[in-house]
Amino acid sequence: MQKTTIVIADDHEIVRRGLRTVLETRDDFEIVGEASNGREAVKLVESLSPHIVVMDISMPELNGLEAARQIVKTKPGTEVLVLTMHESEELIREMLEAGARGYVLKSDAMRQLIPAVDTLRRHQPFFTPKASEVVLDGFLGEEERLRGEPRRRLTPREREIVQLLAEGKSNKEVASALHISVKTAETHRTNIMRKLDLHSVSDLTRFAVRNHIIEP
């Protein structure tokens, strides 16, 4: 029997260790890699092509939602299972829009993690009851409402830059992380501030916290 290959992504080692312990109770599950931030997770998935990536939403450098978007785009055969401490309609909607098809609360991981991985391995979605309600309520069809929300006016690259700037990175550090020139990073920063009508890094940080791009 072919094993289900899994990458675990969480910025806390103790959480990764706990998830590994739960998953390794199954002989047909194989943990092939671990990542401590979203950017590492994207690179691991690109190189290892696992069946499943189990990923926290709140991670440094690149959060789980942005990492999910990149993974779904570059490795559509890999299913993304999102882990979070929160069960809000906004997060569920954004998770679905990012292309993740599994959603498990960290508080329920002991009970739901293995069934979720089993379900996603069959390329079927696994949602908590609350997430299912959001799907049934048709949030994904509300294009007109979503179009006006500030976060959705940002491009994927701009969302990456917002996270890095909100985490205190300089333009030079942003450029290095994203392999772009400092001038390009500065241009992105200027465009973001204008687009969001923000006037300082502290304004940008507050925006990032409110929109779940970084944790407070």
N, C-alpha and C. Protein backbone atom coordinates (compact mmCIF):
# COMPACT_ATOMS: atom_id res chain seq x y z
N MET A 1 0.84 -1.20 0.00
CA MET A 1 0.00 0.00 0.00
C MET A 1 0.88 1.25 0.00
N GLN A 2 0.53 2.21 -0.87
CA GLN A 2 1.29 3.45 -0.93
C GLN A 2 1.03 4.29 0.30
N LYS A 3 2.10 4.82 0.88
CA LYS A 3 1.94 5.64 2.06
C LYS A 3 1.48 7.05 1.69
N THR A 4 0.73 7.66 2.59
CA THR A 4 0.32 9.06 2.44
C THR A 4 1.45 9.93 2.98
N THR A 5 2.06 10.72 2.10
CA THR A 5 3.19 11.55 2.50
C THR A 5 2.69 12.92 2.96
N ILE A 6 3.30 13.40 4.05
CA ILE A 6 2.79 14.60 4.72
C ILE A 6 3.94 15.53 5.08
N VAL A 7 3.72 16.83 4.86
CA VAL A 7 4.61 17.88 5.37
C VAL A 7 3.86 18.62 6.46
N ILE A 8 4.54 18.87 7.58
CA ILE A 8 3.96 19.61 8.71
C ILE A 8 4.61 20.99 8.76
N ALA A 9 3.77 22.04 8.84
CA ALA A 9 4.29 23.40 8.90
C ALA A 9 3.68 24.14 10.08
N ASP A 10 4.51 24.48 11.04
CA ASP A 10 4.09 25.26 12.21
C ASP A 10 5.34 25.88 12.80
N ASP A 11 5.22 27.11 13.30
CA ASP A 11 6.42 27.79 13.80
C ASP A 11 6.80 27.38 15.21
N HIS A 12 6.02 26.52 15.84
CA HIS A 12 6.35 26.03 17.18
C HIS A 12 6.78 24.56 17.11
N GLU A 13 8.01 24.29 17.53
CA GLU A 13 8.54 22.93 17.45
C GLU A 13 7.69 21.94 18.24
N ILE A 14 7.19 22.38 19.41
CA ILE A 14 6.42 21.47 20.24
C ILE A 14 5.10 21.08 19.56
N VAL A 15 4.54 22.00 18.78
CA VAL A 15 3.31 21.69 18.04
C VAL A 15 3.62 20.71 16.92
N ARG A 16 4.70 20.95 16.20
CA ARG A 16 5.09 20.02 15.12
C ARG A 16 5.32 18.63 15.68
N ARG A 17 5.98 18.58 16.84
CA ARG A 17 6.26 17.28 17.45
C ARG A 17 4.95 16.58 17.84
N GLY A 18 3.99 17.35 18.37
CA GLY A 18 2.71 16.77 18.74
C GLY A 18 1.93 16.26 17.55
N LEU A 19 1.93 17.04 16.47
CA LEU A 19 1.24 16.62 15.25
C LEU A 19 1.88 15.37 14.67
N ARG A 20 3.22 15.35 14.68
CA ARG A 20 3.92 14.16 14.18
C ARG A 20 3.55 12.92 15.00
N THR A 21 3.49 13.08 16.31
CA THR A 21 3.14 11.96 17.19
C THR A 21 1.75 11.41 16.86
N VAL A 22 0.80 12.32 16.66
CA VAL A 22 -0.56 11.89 16.32
C VAL A 22 -0.58 11.18 14.97
N LEU A 23 0.04 11.78 13.99
CA LEU A 23 -0.01 11.23 12.63
C LEU A 23 0.73 9.90 12.51
N GLU A 24 1.82 9.77 13.26
CA GLU A 24 2.62 8.54 13.14
C GLU A 24 2.01 7.34 13.85
N THR A 25 0.83 7.53 14.44
CA THR A 25 0.11 6.35 14.95
C THR A 25 -0.44 5.52 13.80
N ARG A 26 -0.43 6.10 12.61
CA ARG A 26 -0.88 5.38 11.42
C ARG A 26 0.33 4.91 10.62
N ASP A 27 0.40 3.61 10.37
CA ASP A 27 1.53 3.04 9.63
C ASP A 27 1.55 3.50 8.18
N ASP A 28 0.40 3.88 7.65
CA ASP A 28 0.33 4.28 6.24
C ASP A 28 0.53 5.78 6.05
N PHE A 29 0.88 6.51 7.12
CA PHE A 29 1.23 7.93 7.02
C PHE A 29 2.74 8.08 7.17
N GLU A 30 3.33 8.91 6.35
CA GLU A 30 4.78 9.16 6.43
C GLU A 30 5.05 10.67 6.44
N ILE A 31 5.67 11.16 7.50
CA ILE A 31 6.06 12.57 7.58
C ILE A 31 7.37 12.74 6.81
N VAL A 32 7.33 13.48 5.71
CA VAL A 32 8.52 13.60 4.86
C VAL A 32 9.24 14.92 5.07
N GLY A 33 8.65 15.85 5.82
CA GLY A 33 9.32 17.12 6.05
C GLY A 33 8.59 17.98 7.06
N GLU A 34 9.33 18.92 7.66
CA GLU A 34 8.75 19.89 8.60
C GLU A 34 9.26 21.28 8.24
N ALA A 35 8.38 22.26 8.40
CA ALA A 35 8.73 23.65 8.11
C ALA A 35 8.32 24.52 9.29
N SER A 36 9.11 25.57 9.55
CA SER A 36 8.81 26.46 10.68
C SER A 36 8.20 27.77 10.23
N ASN A 37 8.06 27.98 8.92
CA ASN A 37 7.35 29.17 8.42
C ASN A 37 6.77 28.85 7.04
N GLY A 38 5.92 29.75 6.57
CA GLY A 38 5.23 29.50 5.32
C GLY A 38 6.15 29.40 4.11
N ARG A 39 7.21 30.18 4.11
CA ARG A 39 8.11 30.15 2.96
C ARG A 39 8.85 28.81 2.89
N GLU A 40 9.26 28.30 4.04
CA GLU A 40 9.88 26.97 4.07
C GLU A 40 8.89 25.91 3.60
N ALA A 41 7.63 26.06 4.01
CA ALA A 41 6.61 25.08 3.63
C ALA A 41 6.44 25.03 2.11
N VAL A 42 6.39 26.20 1.48
CA VAL A 42 6.24 26.25 0.02
C VAL A 42 7.41 25.54 -0.66
N LYS A 43 8.63 25.82 -0.19
CA LYS A 43 9.81 25.19 -0.79
C LYS A 43 9.82 23.68 -0.60
N LEU A 44 9.43 23.24 0.61
CA LEU A 44 9.39 21.80 0.87
C LEU A 44 8.38 21.10 -0.03
N VAL A 45 7.21 21.69 -0.17
CA VAL A 45 6.18 21.08 -1.01
C VAL A 45 6.64 21.04 -2.47
N GLU A 46 7.30 22.09 -2.91
CA GLU A 46 7.80 22.11 -4.29
C GLU A 46 8.81 21.00 -4.54
N SER A 47 9.64 20.72 -3.53
CA SER A 47 10.69 19.72 -3.72
C SER A 47 10.24 18.29 -3.42
N LEU A 48 9.28 18.14 -2.51
CA LEU A 48 8.89 16.80 -2.06
C LEU A 48 7.56 16.31 -2.64
N SER A 49 6.71 17.23 -3.12
CA SER A 49 5.39 16.88 -3.67
C SER A 49 4.62 15.92 -2.77
N PRO A 50 4.39 16.29 -1.52
CA PRO A 50 3.65 15.40 -0.62
C PRO A 50 2.18 15.34 -1.01
N HIS A 51 1.49 14.33 -0.49
CA HIS A 51 0.04 14.26 -0.71
C HIS A 51 -0.68 15.36 0.06
N ILE A 52 -0.21 15.62 1.30
CA ILE A 52 -0.88 16.56 2.19
C ILE A 52 0.15 17.48 2.84
N VAL A 53 -0.23 18.76 3.01
CA VAL A 53 0.55 19.64 3.88
C VAL A 53 -0.39 20.11 4.99
N VAL A 54 0.02 19.84 6.24
CA VAL A 54 -0.74 20.26 7.42
C VAL A 54 -0.10 21.55 7.90
N MET A 55 -0.86 22.66 7.86
CA MET A 55 -0.22 23.96 7.99
C MET A 55 -0.99 24.91 8.93
N ASP A 56 -0.24 25.49 9.85
CA ASP A 56 -0.78 26.53 10.72
C ASP A 56 -1.04 27.78 9.90
N ILE A 57 -2.03 28.57 10.30
CA ILE A 57 -2.28 29.85 9.62
C ILE A 57 -1.27 30.89 10.04
N SER A 58 -1.00 30.99 11.34
CA SER A 58 -0.14 32.07 11.86
C SER A 58 1.31 31.62 11.89
N MET A 59 2.06 32.03 10.86
CA MET A 59 3.49 31.70 10.79
C MET A 59 4.25 32.93 10.32
N PRO A 60 5.51 33.07 10.74
CA PRO A 60 6.31 34.23 10.32
C PRO A 60 6.73 34.14 8.86
N GLU A 61 7.13 35.30 8.33
CA GLU A 61 7.65 35.46 6.97
C GLU A 61 6.60 35.29 5.89
N LEU A 62 5.83 34.20 5.97
CA LEU A 62 4.73 33.99 5.02
C LEU A 62 3.67 33.20 5.77
N ASN A 63 2.48 33.80 5.97
CA ASN A 63 1.47 33.11 6.76
C ASN A 63 0.86 31.94 5.98
N GLY A 64 0.10 31.12 6.70
CA GLY A 64 -0.42 29.90 6.10
C GLY A 64 -1.36 30.12 4.93
N LEU A 65 -2.13 31.20 4.96
CA LEU A 65 -3.06 31.47 3.87
C LEU A 65 -2.31 31.81 2.59
N GLU A 66 -1.29 32.66 2.70
CA GLU A 66 -0.51 33.01 1.51
C GLU A 66 0.29 31.81 1.02
N ALA A 67 0.83 31.02 1.96
CA ALA A 67 1.55 29.81 1.57
C ALA A 67 0.61 28.84 0.85
N ALA A 68 -0.62 28.72 1.34
CA ALA A 68 -1.60 27.83 0.70
C ALA A 68 -1.86 28.26 -0.74
N ARG A 69 -1.99 29.57 -0.96
CA ARG A 69 -2.23 30.07 -2.32
C ARG A 69 -1.10 29.65 -3.26
N GLN A 70 0.14 29.79 -2.78
CA GLN A 70 1.29 29.45 -3.63
C GLN A 70 1.36 27.95 -3.88
N ILE A 71 1.07 27.16 -2.84
CA ILE A 71 1.15 25.70 -2.97
C ILE A 71 0.09 25.20 -3.94
N VAL A 72 -1.13 25.69 -3.80
CA VAL A 72 -2.21 25.25 -4.69
C VAL A 72 -1.90 25.62 -6.14
N LYS A 73 -1.25 26.76 -6.34
CA LYS A 73 -0.91 27.20 -7.69
C LYS A 73 0.20 26.35 -8.30
N THR A 74 1.25 26.05 -7.51
CA THR A 74 2.41 25.34 -8.07
C THR A 74 2.31 23.83 -7.95
N LYS A 75 1.58 23.34 -6.94
CA LYS A 75 1.44 21.89 -6.72
C LYS A 75 -0.04 21.54 -6.49
N PRO A 76 -0.85 21.62 -7.53
CA PRO A 76 -2.29 21.38 -7.34
C PRO A 76 -2.63 19.98 -6.86
N GLY A 77 -1.71 19.05 -6.97
CA GLY A 77 -1.95 17.69 -6.49
C GLY A 77 -1.79 17.54 -4.99
N THR A 78 -1.20 18.55 -4.34
CA THR A 78 -1.03 18.52 -2.89
C THR A 78 -2.23 19.18 -2.22
N GLU A 79 -2.85 18.48 -1.30
CA GLU A 79 -3.98 19.04 -0.57
C GLU A 79 -3.48 19.80 0.66
N VAL A 80 -4.11 20.93 0.95
CA VAL A 80 -3.72 21.76 2.07
C VAL A 80 -4.73 21.63 3.20
N LEU A 81 -4.25 21.23 4.37
CA LEU A 81 -5.07 21.14 5.57
C LEU A 81 -4.64 22.25 6.53
N VAL A 82 -5.52 23.19 6.76
CA VAL A 82 -5.22 24.35 7.61
C VAL A 82 -5.53 24.04 9.06
N LEU A 83 -4.59 24.41 9.93
CA LEU A 83 -4.79 24.33 11.38
C LEU A 83 -4.89 25.74 11.94
N THR A 84 -5.82 25.97 12.86
CA THR A 84 -5.95 27.29 13.44
C THR A 84 -6.55 27.19 14.84
N MET A 85 -6.30 28.22 15.63
CA MET A 85 -6.92 28.29 16.96
C MET A 85 -8.29 28.95 16.88
N HIS A 86 -8.58 29.58 15.72
CA HIS A 86 -9.79 30.39 15.60
C HIS A 86 -10.76 29.79 14.60
N GLU A 87 -12.04 30.01 14.84
CA GLU A 87 -13.08 29.55 13.91
C GLU A 87 -13.98 30.73 13.57
N SER A 88 -13.45 31.63 12.74
CA SER A 88 -14.22 32.80 12.34
C SER A 88 -14.65 32.65 10.89
N GLU A 89 -15.77 33.27 10.55
CA GLU A 89 -16.27 33.20 9.18
C GLU A 89 -15.25 33.79 8.20
N GLU A 90 -14.60 34.87 8.62
CA GLU A 90 -13.63 35.52 7.74
C GLU A 90 -12.46 34.59 7.42
N LEU A 91 -11.92 33.93 8.44
CA LEU A 91 -10.80 33.03 8.21
C LEU A 91 -11.21 31.84 7.35
N ILE A 92 -12.39 31.31 7.60
CA ILE A 92 -12.86 30.17 6.80
C ILE A 92 -13.00 30.58 5.35
N ARG A 93 -13.59 31.74 5.13
CA ARG A 93 -13.77 32.22 3.75
C ARG A 93 -12.42 32.39 3.06
N GLU A 94 -11.46 33.01 3.77
CA GLU A 94 -10.15 33.23 3.17
C GLU A 94 -9.42 31.91 2.93
N MET A 95 -9.59 30.95 3.83
CA MET A 95 -8.99 29.64 3.65
C MET A 95 -9.51 28.98 2.38
N LEU A 96 -10.82 29.05 2.16
CA LEU A 96 -11.41 28.46 0.97
C LEU A 96 -10.93 29.16 -0.30
N GLU A 97 -10.85 30.48 -0.23
CA GLU A 97 -10.39 31.25 -1.39
C GLU A 97 -8.93 30.95 -1.71
N ALA A 98 -8.15 30.65 -0.67
CA ALA A 98 -6.74 30.32 -0.89
C ALA A 98 -6.56 28.95 -1.55
N GLY A 99 -7.61 28.13 -1.52
CA GLY A 99 -7.53 26.83 -2.17
C GLY A 99 -7.36 25.66 -1.22
N ALA A 100 -7.25 25.97 0.11
CA ALA A 100 -7.18 24.88 1.08
C ALA A 100 -8.54 24.18 1.14
N ARG A 101 -8.51 22.85 1.33
CA ARG A 101 -9.78 22.12 1.34
C ARG A 101 -9.98 21.36 2.65
N GLY A 102 -9.15 21.68 3.64
CA GLY A 102 -9.32 21.09 4.96
C GLY A 102 -9.14 22.15 6.02
N TYR A 103 -9.92 22.07 7.10
CA TYR A 103 -9.90 23.09 8.14
C TYR A 103 -10.13 22.40 9.47
N VAL A 104 -9.12 22.42 10.34
CA VAL A 104 -9.22 21.77 11.65
C VAL A 104 -8.77 22.73 12.73
N LEU A 105 -9.53 22.82 13.81
CA LEU A 105 -9.13 23.62 14.95
C LEU A 105 -8.03 22.89 15.72
N LYS A 106 -7.05 23.63 16.21
CA LYS A 106 -5.97 23.00 16.96
C LYS A 106 -6.51 22.28 18.20
N SER A 107 -7.56 22.83 18.78
CA SER A 107 -8.13 22.20 19.97
C SER A 107 -8.76 20.84 19.65
N ASP A 108 -9.07 20.61 18.38
CA ASP A 108 -9.69 19.35 17.97
C ASP A 108 -8.73 18.41 17.24
N ALA A 109 -7.44 18.79 17.19
CA ALA A 109 -6.49 18.04 16.37
C ALA A 109 -6.38 16.58 16.77
N MET A 110 -6.38 16.31 18.07
CA MET A 110 -6.27 14.92 18.52
C MET A 110 -7.38 14.05 17.94
N ARG A 111 -8.56 14.64 17.81
CA ARG A 111 -9.74 13.87 17.38
C ARG A 111 -9.96 13.93 15.87
N GLN A 112 -9.63 15.07 15.26
CA GLN A 112 -10.01 15.27 13.86
C GLN A 112 -8.87 15.20 12.86
N LEU A 113 -7.63 15.24 13.33
CA LEU A 113 -6.51 15.32 12.40
C LEU A 113 -6.43 14.11 11.48
N ILE A 114 -6.47 12.92 12.03
CA ILE A 114 -6.36 11.71 11.21
C ILE A 114 -7.55 11.57 10.24
N PRO A 115 -8.80 11.74 10.70
CA PRO A 115 -9.91 11.70 9.73
C PRO A 115 -9.78 12.76 8.64
N ALA A 116 -9.25 13.94 9.00
CA ALA A 116 -9.09 15.00 8.00
C ALA A 116 -8.07 14.59 6.94
N VAL A 117 -6.93 14.04 7.36
CA VAL A 117 -5.91 13.61 6.41
C VAL A 117 -6.45 12.48 5.53
N ASP A 118 -7.14 11.53 6.13
CA ASP A 118 -7.75 10.44 5.36
C ASP A 118 -8.69 10.98 4.28
N THR A 119 -9.49 11.97 4.66
CA THR A 119 -10.48 12.53 3.72
C THR A 119 -9.79 13.29 2.60
N LEU A 120 -8.82 14.12 2.94
CA LEU A 120 -8.12 14.90 1.92
C LEU A 120 -7.31 14.00 0.99
N ARG A 121 -6.80 12.89 1.53
CA ARG A 121 -6.03 11.97 0.68
C ARG A 121 -6.89 11.43 -0.46
N ARG A 122 -8.20 11.37 -0.23
CA ARG A 122 -9.13 10.95 -1.28
C ARG A 122 -9.61 12.14 -2.11
N HIS A 123 -8.94 13.29 -1.92
CA HIS A 123 -9.26 14.53 -2.62
C HIS A 123 -10.70 14.96 -2.38
N GLN A 124 -11.14 14.77 -1.13
CA GLN A 124 -12.44 15.25 -0.70
C GLN A 124 -12.23 16.27 0.41
N PRO A 125 -13.06 17.30 0.50
CA PRO A 125 -12.87 18.34 1.52
C PRO A 125 -13.24 17.86 2.91
N PHE A 126 -12.57 18.43 3.90
CA PHE A 126 -12.88 18.15 5.30
C PHE A 126 -13.05 19.47 6.02
N PHE A 127 -14.28 19.77 6.45
CA PHE A 127 -14.57 21.02 7.13
C PHE A 127 -15.15 20.76 8.50
N THR A 128 -14.88 21.68 9.42
CA THR A 128 -15.62 21.68 10.68
C THR A 128 -17.07 22.06 10.37
N PRO A 129 -18.01 21.79 11.27
CA PRO A 129 -19.40 22.18 11.02
C PRO A 129 -19.54 23.67 10.69
N LYS A 130 -18.77 24.52 11.39
CA LYS A 130 -18.86 25.96 11.13
C LYS A 130 -18.40 26.28 9.71
N ALA A 131 -17.33 25.66 9.27
CA ALA A 131 -16.84 25.90 7.91
C ALA A 131 -17.86 25.44 6.89
N SER A 132 -18.51 24.32 7.15
CA SER A 132 -19.54 23.84 6.23
C SER A 132 -20.68 24.84 6.12
N GLU A 133 -21.05 25.47 7.24
CA GLU A 133 -22.10 26.48 7.21
C GLU A 133 -21.70 27.65 6.31
N VAL A 134 -20.43 28.04 6.39
CA VAL A 134 -19.96 29.15 5.58
C VAL A 134 -20.07 28.81 4.10
N VAL A 135 -19.69 27.57 3.74
CA VAL A 135 -19.79 27.14 2.35
C VAL A 135 -21.24 27.18 1.90
N LEU A 136 -22.13 26.64 2.71
CA LEU A 136 -23.54 26.58 2.35
C LEU A 136 -24.16 27.97 2.26
N ASP A 137 -23.66 28.89 3.05
CA ASP A 137 -24.19 30.26 3.01
C ASP A 137 -23.72 31.03 1.78
N GLY A 138 -22.81 30.43 1.03
CA GLY A 138 -22.42 31.01 -0.25
C GLY A 138 -21.50 32.20 -0.17
N PHE A 139 -20.60 32.22 0.82
CA PHE A 139 -19.69 33.36 0.91
C PHE A 139 -18.84 33.53 -0.34
N LEU A 140 -18.49 32.42 -0.98
CA LEU A 140 -17.61 32.52 -2.14
C LEU A 140 -18.30 33.20 -3.32
N GLY A 141 -19.61 33.24 -3.30
CA GLY A 141 -20.33 33.87 -4.40
C GLY A 141 -20.54 35.37 -4.22
N GLU A 142 -20.14 35.91 -3.08
CA GLU A 142 -20.40 37.32 -2.81
C GLU A 142 -19.28 38.20 -3.37
N GLU A 143 -19.10 38.14 -4.67
CA GLU A 143 -17.96 38.83 -5.29
C GLU A 143 -18.05 40.35 -5.11
N GLU A 144 -19.25 40.88 -5.21
CA GLU A 144 -19.39 42.33 -5.12
C GLU A 144 -18.97 42.83 -3.75
N ARG A 145 -19.38 42.11 -2.71
CA ARG A 145 -19.02 42.51 -1.35
C ARG A 145 -17.53 42.38 -1.12
N LEU A 146 -16.96 41.29 -1.59
CA LEU A 146 -15.54 41.04 -1.35
C LEU A 146 -14.66 42.04 -2.08
N ARG A 147 -15.14 42.50 -3.24
CA ARG A 147 -14.30 43.37 -4.05
C ARG A 147 -13.93 44.64 -3.31
N GLY A 148 -14.78 45.08 -2.40
CA GLY A 148 -14.50 46.32 -1.69
C GLY A 148 -13.64 46.15 -0.47
N GLU A 149 -13.34 44.92 -0.04
CA GLU A 149 -12.56 44.73 1.16
C GLU A 149 -11.08 45.01 0.89
N PRO A 150 -10.42 45.80 1.76
CA PRO A 150 -9.05 46.24 1.50
C PRO A 150 -8.08 45.12 1.21
N ARG A 151 -8.14 44.05 2.01
CA ARG A 151 -7.15 42.99 1.82
C ARG A 151 -7.24 42.39 0.43
N ARG A 152 -8.44 42.33 -0.12
CA ARG A 152 -8.62 41.70 -1.42
C ARG A 152 -8.24 42.63 -2.57
N ARG A 153 -7.93 43.87 -2.26
CA ARG A 153 -7.42 44.76 -3.29
C ARG A 153 -5.92 44.58 -3.46
N LEU A 154 -5.29 43.84 -2.56
CA LEU A 154 -3.86 43.60 -2.65
C LEU A 154 -3.57 42.38 -3.51
N THR A 155 -2.46 42.44 -4.25
CA THR A 155 -2.02 41.27 -5.00
C THR A 155 -1.35 40.29 -4.04
N PRO A 156 -1.18 39.02 -4.44
CA PRO A 156 -0.46 38.08 -3.57
C PRO A 156 0.92 38.58 -3.16
N ARG A 157 1.66 39.18 -4.08
CA ARG A 157 2.99 39.69 -3.75
C ARG A 157 2.88 40.82 -2.74
N GLU A 158 1.89 41.70 -2.90
CA GLU A 158 1.72 42.80 -1.95
C GLU A 158 1.37 42.28 -0.56
N ARG A 159 0.58 41.21 -0.48
CA ARG A 159 0.25 40.64 0.83
C ARG A 159 1.50 40.08 1.50
N GLU A 160 2.39 39.47 0.70
CA GLU A 160 3.66 38.99 1.25
C GLU A 160 4.45 40.15 1.84
N ILE A 161 4.50 41.25 1.09
CA ILE A 161 5.29 42.40 1.52
C ILE A 161 4.68 43.03 2.76
N VAL A 162 3.35 43.11 2.83
CA VAL A 162 2.70 43.63 4.03
C VAL A 162 3.12 42.84 5.25
N GLN A 163 3.14 41.51 5.14
CA GLN A 163 3.52 40.69 6.30
C GLN A 163 4.96 40.97 6.71
N LEU A 164 5.87 41.01 5.75
CA LEU A 164 7.28 41.23 6.08
C LEU A 164 7.50 42.61 6.71
N LEU A 165 6.86 43.64 6.16
CA LEU A 165 6.99 44.99 6.72
C LEU A 165 6.38 45.05 8.12
N ALA A 166 5.23 44.41 8.30
CA ALA A 166 4.57 44.43 9.61
C ALA A 166 5.38 43.68 10.64
N GLU A 167 6.21 42.74 10.20
CA GLU A 167 7.09 42.01 11.12
C GLU A 167 8.38 42.77 11.40
N GLY A 168 8.49 43.98 10.83
CA GLY A 168 9.63 44.84 11.15
C GLY A 168 10.78 44.76 10.17
N LYS A 169 10.57 44.10 9.03
CA LYS A 169 11.65 43.99 8.04
C LYS A 169 11.86 45.33 7.32
N SER A 170 13.11 45.62 7.00
CA SER A 170 13.44 46.81 6.22
C SER A 170 13.20 46.53 4.74
N ASN A 171 13.25 47.59 3.92
CA ASN A 171 13.11 47.39 2.47
C ASN A 171 14.19 46.44 1.94
N LYS A 172 15.39 46.58 2.47
CA LYS A 172 16.49 45.72 2.04
C LYS A 172 16.22 44.26 2.41
N GLU A 173 15.71 44.04 3.62
CA GLU A 173 15.40 42.67 4.06
C GLU A 173 14.24 42.08 3.27
N VAL A 174 13.24 42.91 2.95
CA VAL A 174 12.13 42.46 2.11
C VAL A 174 12.66 42.04 0.74
N ALA A 175 13.52 42.87 0.17
CA ALA A 175 14.08 42.57 -1.14
C ALA A 175 14.85 41.25 -1.12
N SER A 176 15.63 41.05 -0.06
CA SER A 176 16.41 39.82 0.06
C SER A 176 15.50 38.60 0.19
N ALA A 177 14.45 38.70 1.01
CA ALA A 177 13.54 37.57 1.23
C ALA A 177 12.80 37.17 -0.03
N LEU A 178 12.46 38.17 -0.86
CA LEU A 178 11.64 37.91 -2.04
C LEU A 178 12.45 37.87 -3.34
N HIS A 179 13.77 38.03 -3.20
CA HIS A 179 14.67 37.99 -4.37
C HIS A 179 14.28 39.05 -5.41
N ILE A 180 14.04 40.26 -4.92
CA ILE A 180 13.76 41.39 -5.80
C ILE A 180 14.73 42.51 -5.44
N SER A 181 14.78 43.56 -6.26
CA SER A 181 15.67 44.67 -5.97
C SER A 181 15.09 45.53 -4.85
N VAL A 182 15.96 46.27 -4.21
CA VAL A 182 15.50 47.19 -3.14
C VAL A 182 14.55 48.23 -3.72
N LYS A 183 14.85 48.69 -4.92
CA LYS A 183 13.99 49.69 -5.57
C LYS A 183 12.59 49.12 -5.81
N THR A 184 12.52 47.86 -6.24
CA THR A 184 11.21 47.23 -6.46
C THR A 184 10.46 47.10 -5.15
N ALA A 185 11.18 46.73 -4.08
CA ALA A 185 10.55 46.62 -2.76
C ALA A 185 10.00 47.97 -2.32
N GLU A 186 10.78 49.02 -2.55
CA GLU A 186 10.34 50.36 -2.17
C GLU A 186 9.10 50.77 -2.96
N THR A 187 9.08 50.43 -4.25
CA THR A 187 7.92 50.75 -5.10
C THR A 187 6.68 50.02 -4.61
N HIS A 188 6.84 48.75 -4.29
CA HIS A 188 5.71 47.98 -3.75
C HIS A 188 5.20 48.62 -2.47
N ARG A 189 6.12 48.98 -1.60
CA ARG A 189 5.73 49.59 -0.31
C ARG A 189 4.93 50.87 -0.54
N THR A 190 5.41 51.71 -1.44
CA THR A 190 4.71 52.97 -1.74
C THR A 190 3.32 52.69 -2.29
N ASN A 191 3.21 51.74 -3.20
CA ASN A 191 1.92 51.40 -3.81
C ASN A 191 0.94 50.85 -2.77
N ILE A 192 1.46 50.01 -1.87
CA ILE A 192 0.60 49.42 -0.83
C ILE A 192 0.05 50.51 0.09
N MET A 193 0.92 51.41 0.53
CA MET A 193 0.50 52.47 1.44
C MET A 193 -0.55 53.36 0.77
N ARG A 194 -0.35 53.64 -0.50
CA ARG A 194 -1.33 54.47 -1.22
C ARG A 194 -2.65 53.72 -1.42
N LYS A 195 -2.55 52.47 -1.80
CA LYS A 195 -3.74 51.67 -2.07
C LYS A 195 -4.61 51.51 -0.81
N LEU A 196 -3.96 51.36 0.34
CA LEU A 196 -4.69 51.14 1.59
C LEU A 196 -4.93 52.44 2.36
N ASP A 197 -4.42 53.55 1.83
CA ASP A 197 -4.54 54.86 2.49
C ASP A 197 -3.95 54.80 3.90
N LEU A 198 -2.73 54.26 3.98
CA LEU A 198 -2.01 54.18 5.24
C LEU A 198 -0.82 55.14 5.18
N HIS A 199 -0.36 55.58 6.37
CA HIS A 199 0.65 56.64 6.37
C HIS A 199 1.89 56.32 7.21
N SER A 200 1.93 55.15 7.83
CA SER A 200 3.09 54.79 8.63
C SER A 200 3.17 53.28 8.76
N VAL A 201 4.32 52.80 9.21
CA VAL A 201 4.48 51.36 9.42
C VAL A 201 3.56 50.88 10.53
N SER A 202 3.32 51.72 11.54
CA SER A 202 2.41 51.33 12.62
C SER A 202 0.99 51.16 12.09
N ASP A 203 0.58 52.03 11.14
CA ASP A 203 -0.72 51.86 10.49
C ASP A 203 -0.77 50.53 9.74
N LEU A 204 0.32 50.23 9.06
CA LEU A 204 0.41 48.99 8.28
C LEU A 204 0.35 47.77 9.20
N THR A 205 1.01 47.88 10.34
CA THR A 205 1.01 46.77 11.30
C THR A 205 -0.38 46.53 11.84
N ARG A 206 -1.08 47.60 12.18
CA ARG A 206 -2.46 47.46 12.67
C ARG A 206 -3.35 46.82 11.61
N PHE A 207 -3.16 47.22 10.35
CA PHE A 207 -3.92 46.62 9.25
C PHE A 207 -3.63 45.12 9.16
N ALA A 208 -2.35 44.75 9.29
CA ALA A 208 -1.96 43.35 9.18
C ALA A 208 -2.56 42.51 10.30
N VAL A 209 -2.62 43.07 11.50
CA VAL A 209 -3.21 42.35 12.63
C VAL A 209 -4.72 42.20 12.43
N ARG A 210 -5.39 43.29 12.04
CA ARG A 210 -6.85 43.25 11.84
C ARG A 210 -7.24 42.24 10.77
N ASN A 211 -6.39 42.09 9.78
CA ASN A 211 -6.72 41.22 8.65
C ASN A 211 -6.06 39.84 8.73
N HIS A 212 -5.59 39.50 9.93
CA HIS A 212 -5.04 38.15 10.19
C HIS A 212 -3.84 37.82 9.31
N ILE A 213 -3.09 38.85 8.89
CA ILE A 213 -1.86 38.60 8.14
C ILE A 213 -0.74 38.25 9.11
N ILE A 214 -0.74 38.89 10.27
CA ILE A 214 0.17 38.52 11.36
C ILE A 214 -0.64 38.42 12.64
N GLU A 215 -0.06 37.75 13.63
CA GLU A 215 -0.69 37.68 14.94
C GLU A 215 -0.31 38.91 15.75
N PRO A 216 -1.21 39.42 16.62
CA PRO A 216 -0.86 40.58 17.44
C PRO A 216 0.24 40.24 18.43
